[in-house]
Protein backbone atom coordinates (compact mmCIF):
# COMPACT_ATOMS: atom_id res chain seq x y z
CA MET A 1 64.14 96.08 37.37
CA SER A 2 63.15 99.40 35.80
CA LYS A 3 65.58 102.20 35.13
CA PRO A 4 65.59 104.74 38.00
CA THR A 5 63.76 107.96 37.23
CA PHE A 6 64.27 111.42 38.65
CA THR A 7 62.54 114.76 38.85
CA LEU A 8 64.11 118.20 38.94
CA GLN A 9 62.75 120.45 41.68
CA THR A 10 63.73 124.03 42.42
CA ASP A 11 65.99 123.09 45.32
CA HIS A 12 66.78 119.40 44.78
CA ILE A 13 66.72 116.45 42.43
CA LEU A 14 64.73 113.40 43.48
CA ILE A 15 65.57 109.96 42.09
CA THR A 16 62.05 108.75 42.64
CA ASP A 17 62.19 104.96 42.60
CA GLN A 18 65.08 104.97 45.07
CA GLN A 19 63.76 107.90 47.14
CA ILE A 20 67.15 109.57 46.89
CA CYS A 21 67.14 113.32 47.37
CA ILE A 22 70.05 115.21 45.82
CA SER A 23 70.05 118.80 47.08
CA ARG A 24 73.58 119.70 46.03
CA ALA A 25 76.40 118.28 43.95
CA GLY A 26 78.09 117.02 47.12
CA ASP A 27 75.11 114.73 47.80
CA LEU A 28 75.46 113.33 44.29
CA LEU A 29 79.20 112.76 44.72
CA GLU A 30 78.65 110.95 48.03
CA ARG A 31 76.07 108.66 46.39
CA TYR A 32 78.43 108.09 43.43
CA VAL A 33 81.24 106.93 45.72
CA GLN A 34 78.83 104.51 47.44
CA THR A 35 77.45 103.04 44.20
CA ASP A 36 79.06 100.29 42.15
CA ASP A 37 79.65 101.20 38.50
CA SER A 38 77.47 98.29 37.39
CA ALA A 39 74.50 99.17 39.64
CA PRO A 40 71.35 100.25 37.77
CA LEU A 41 71.30 103.45 39.82
CA MET A 42 74.59 104.59 38.27
CA ALA A 43 72.87 105.53 34.99
CA SER A 44 70.61 107.97 36.85
CA LEU A 45 73.52 109.33 38.85
CA ARG A 46 75.40 110.02 35.62
CA THR A 47 72.37 111.80 34.19
CA VAL A 48 72.15 113.99 37.29
CA ARG A 49 75.91 114.61 37.07
CA ASP A 50 75.46 115.77 33.49
CA HIS A 51 72.67 118.08 34.66
CA TYR A 52 75.11 119.73 37.09
CA LEU A 53 77.90 119.85 34.49
CA ASN A 54 75.60 121.60 32.05
CA ASP A 55 74.98 124.36 34.62
CA LEU A 56 77.98 124.61 36.92
CA ASP A 57 76.52 127.77 38.46
CA GLN A 58 74.47 125.35 40.58
CA VAL A 59 77.71 123.98 42.07
CA ASN A 60 78.94 126.06 44.97
CA SER A 61 82.24 124.57 46.07
CA PRO A 62 85.55 123.94 44.35
CA GLY A 63 85.61 120.38 45.70
CA GLU A 64 82.26 119.60 44.10
CA VAL A 65 83.35 121.05 40.73
CA THR A 66 86.57 119.05 40.90
CA GLY A 67 84.72 115.88 41.90
CA LEU A 68 82.22 116.12 39.04
CA ILE A 69 84.99 116.65 36.49
CA ALA A 70 87.16 113.85 37.92
CA TRP A 71 84.14 111.50 37.68
CA LEU A 72 83.47 112.57 34.08
CA LEU A 73 87.10 112.00 33.10
CA ARG A 74 87.12 108.62 34.86
CA ASP A 75 84.01 107.57 32.93
CA HIS A 76 85.87 108.38 29.69
CA ASN A 77 89.08 106.63 30.79
CA ILE A 78 91.03 109.88 30.72
CA GLN A 79 94.02 109.93 33.05
CA HIS A 80 94.57 113.36 34.56
CA GLU A 81 96.61 112.76 37.69
CA GLY A 82 99.36 115.34 38.06
CA GLU A 83 97.75 117.67 35.52
CA SER A 84 95.67 120.76 36.02
CA PHE A 85 92.32 120.87 34.26
CA ALA A 86 93.86 123.34 31.79
CA GLU A 87 96.69 120.93 31.01
CA THR A 88 94.23 118.07 30.53
CA ALA A 89 92.07 120.21 28.22
CA ASP A 90 95.15 121.23 26.22
CA ARG A 91 96.30 117.61 25.92
CA LEU A 92 92.85 116.48 24.73
CA CYS A 93 92.73 119.40 22.30
CA ASP A 94 96.12 118.35 20.91
CA LEU A 95 94.85 114.79 20.50
CA ASP A 96 91.78 116.04 18.63
CA ASN A 97 93.95 118.24 16.39
CA ASN A 98 96.48 115.48 15.70
CA THR A 99 93.76 113.05 14.66
CA ASP A 100 91.61 115.69 12.95
CA SER A 101 88.67 114.66 15.10
CA ARG A 102 86.30 116.13 17.64
CA LEU A 103 86.35 113.07 19.86
CA TYR A 104 87.12 115.05 23.01
CA SER A 105 85.30 118.31 22.28
CA THR A 106 82.61 117.79 24.92
CA LEU A 107 85.19 116.92 27.57
CA ILE A 108 87.29 119.93 26.60
CA TYR A 109 84.22 122.16 26.90
CA HIS A 110 83.40 120.81 30.38
CA LEU A 111 87.01 121.16 31.53
CA ARG A 112 87.18 124.79 30.40
CA ASP A 113 83.78 125.52 31.90
CA ALA A 114 84.97 124.01 35.20
CA ILE A 115 88.11 126.17 35.12
CA GLU A 116 85.92 129.25 34.71
CA ARG A 117 83.61 128.17 37.53
CA LEU A 118 86.56 127.47 39.83
CA ASP A 119 87.90 130.96 39.07
CA ASP A 120 84.48 132.45 39.90
CA LEU A 121 84.31 130.55 43.18
CA GLU A 122 87.80 131.74 44.08
CA LEU A 123 86.74 135.36 43.49
CA PHE A 124 83.74 134.91 45.79
CA GLU A 125 85.97 133.59 48.57
CA ASP A 126 88.15 136.71 48.59
C-alpha cells in the first residue's frame, strides 16, 4: 500500500488517496481520533497536523489549538495532565537545561506558540 499523499488548497487540505478533505483543524482532530496509531493514514495526518502547528493562525478555536498540542505531546510521550502549557514548556526547558541538550526545543517552541495563539483567540472573543 502506498503512503497517503495530500495537497494544500486555499481553503482545505485533501488527502488524495483516501479522498479525505480537511477544511479546518477540527476535521483533522476528528480523523485522528478515529484512526489507529499504526494505520498508514496516521503518517499523513501527522504531516497535516505539523502544517497546522507551523501556522497556528489557521486554527480558529481554543479547542483545536489544545487538541493539536495534546496530540503532539502524546506522540512524544510527554505527560502534561494537570499542567498548563506554560508549565509543560517550563518543565521541558528545565530538562533541556539540566541535560545541556536541545531535545525538547521544538516542543517548547510549539507550546509557547500555542500559548500566544490561545491568548489571541481569547482577545477576539471579548
